[in-house]
Amino acid sequence: MIAGRTGLSRETLYRTLSAKGNPRLDTLAALLRAMGLRLSVTPAERSAAH
């Protein structure tokens, strides 16, 4: 189901999501998109020490 929506094989998804997995950004983006999610980046709050 998810494999079909991402265009990735089940084996690739298993490897990516395993404890030793090391997902590439495009793989993660495809997985999130298939689940109706997206990743966003926002600036970190700066502390008074900086």
C-alpha atoms as a PDB file:
ATOM      1  CA  MET A   1       0.000   0.000   0.000  1.00  0.00           C
ATOM      2  CA  ILE A   2       2.550   2.629   1.099  1.00  0.00           C
ATOM      3  CA  ALA A   3       5.140   1.101  -1.233  1.00  0.00           C
ATOM      4  CA  GLY A   4       2.817   1.639  -4.186  1.00  0.00           C
ATOM      5  CA  ARG A   5       2.098   5.242  -3.214  1.00  0.00           C
ATOM      6  CA  THR A   6       5.790   6.068  -2.790  1.00  0.00           C
ATOM      7  CA  GLY A   7       7.003   4.257  -5.891  1.00  0.00           C
ATOM      8  CA  LEU A   8       9.521   2.400  -3.689  1.00  0.00           C
ATOM      9  CA  SER A   9       9.788  -1.328  -3.176  1.00  0.00           C
ATOM     10  CA  ARG A  10       8.743  -2.936   0.108  1.00  0.00           C
ATOM     11  CA  GLU A  11      12.324  -4.032   0.625  1.00  0.00           C
ATOM     12  CA  THR A  12      13.580  -0.459   0.284  1.00  0.00           C
ATOM     13  CA  LEU A  13      11.007   0.733   2.801  1.00  0.00           C
ATOM     14  CA  TYR A  14      11.908  -2.048   5.253  1.00  0.00           C
ATOM     15  CA  ARG A  15      15.600  -1.173   5.005  1.00  0.00           C
ATOM     16  CA  THR A  16      14.934   2.559   5.262  1.00  0.00           C
ATOM     17  CA  LEU A  17      12.725   2.250   8.323  1.00  0.00           C
ATOM     18  CA  SER A  18      14.830  -0.356  10.130  1.00  0.00           C
ATOM     19  CA  ALA A  19      16.868   0.495  13.234  1.00  0.00           C
ATOM     20  CA  LYS A  20      19.994   0.577  11.070  1.00  0.00           C
ATOM     21  CA  GLY A  21      18.278   2.424   8.235  1.00  0.00           C
ATOM     22  CA  ASN A  22      19.754   5.598   6.845  1.00  0.00           C
ATOM     23  CA  PRO A  23      17.022   7.195   4.730  1.00  0.00           C
ATOM     24  CA  ARG A  24      17.901   9.640   1.995  1.00  0.00           C
ATOM     25  CA  LEU A  25      15.992  12.900   1.971  1.00  0.00           C
ATOM     26  CA  ASP A  26      14.125  12.013  -1.236  1.00  0.00           C
ATOM     27  CA  THR A  27      13.063   8.658   0.245  1.00  0.00           C
ATOM     28  CA  LEU A  28      11.838  10.343   3.416  1.00  0.00           C
ATOM     29  CA  ALA A  29       9.988  12.983   1.392  1.00  0.00           C
ATOM     30  CA  ALA A  30       8.269  10.298  -0.730  1.00  0.00           C
ATOM     31  CA  LEU A  31       7.223   8.411   2.387  1.00  0.00           C
ATOM     32  CA  LEU A  32       5.859  11.538   4.076  1.00  0.00           C
ATOM     33  CA  ARG A  33       4.046  12.630   0.888  1.00  0.00           C
ATOM     34  CA  ALA A  34       2.390   9.192   0.640  1.00  0.00           C
ATOM     35  CA  MET A  35       1.065   9.666   4.173  1.00  0.00           C
ATOM     36  CA  GLY A  36      -0.187  13.187   3.462  1.00  0.00           C
ATOM     37  CA  LEU A  37       2.577  14.830   5.494  1.00  0.00           C
ATOM     38  CA  ARG A  38       5.427  17.195   4.732  1.00  0.00           C
ATOM     39  CA  LEU A  39       8.648  18.137   6.420  1.00  0.00           C
ATOM     40  CA  SER A  40       9.393  21.769   7.155  1.00  0.00           C
ATOM     41  CA  VAL A  41      12.426  23.540   8.534  1.00  0.00           C
ATOM     42  CA  THR A  42      12.249  26.596  10.744  1.00  0.00           C
ATOM     43  CA  PRO A  43      14.992  28.700  12.315  1.00  0.00           C
ATOM     44  CA  ALA A  44      16.120  27.595  15.745  1.00  0.00           C
ATOM     45  CA  GLU A  45      15.488  29.991  18.577  1.00  0.00           C
ATOM     46  CA  ARG A  46      18.653  31.854  19.462  1.00  0.00           C
ATOM     47  CA  SER A  47      19.605  32.071  23.122  1.00  0.00           C
ATOM     48  CA  ALA A  48      20.898  35.241  24.762  1.00  0.00           C
ATOM     49  CA  ALA A  49      24.417  33.716  24.782  1.00  0.00           C
ATOM     50  CA  HIS A  50      24.739  33.997  20.964  1.00  0.00           C
END
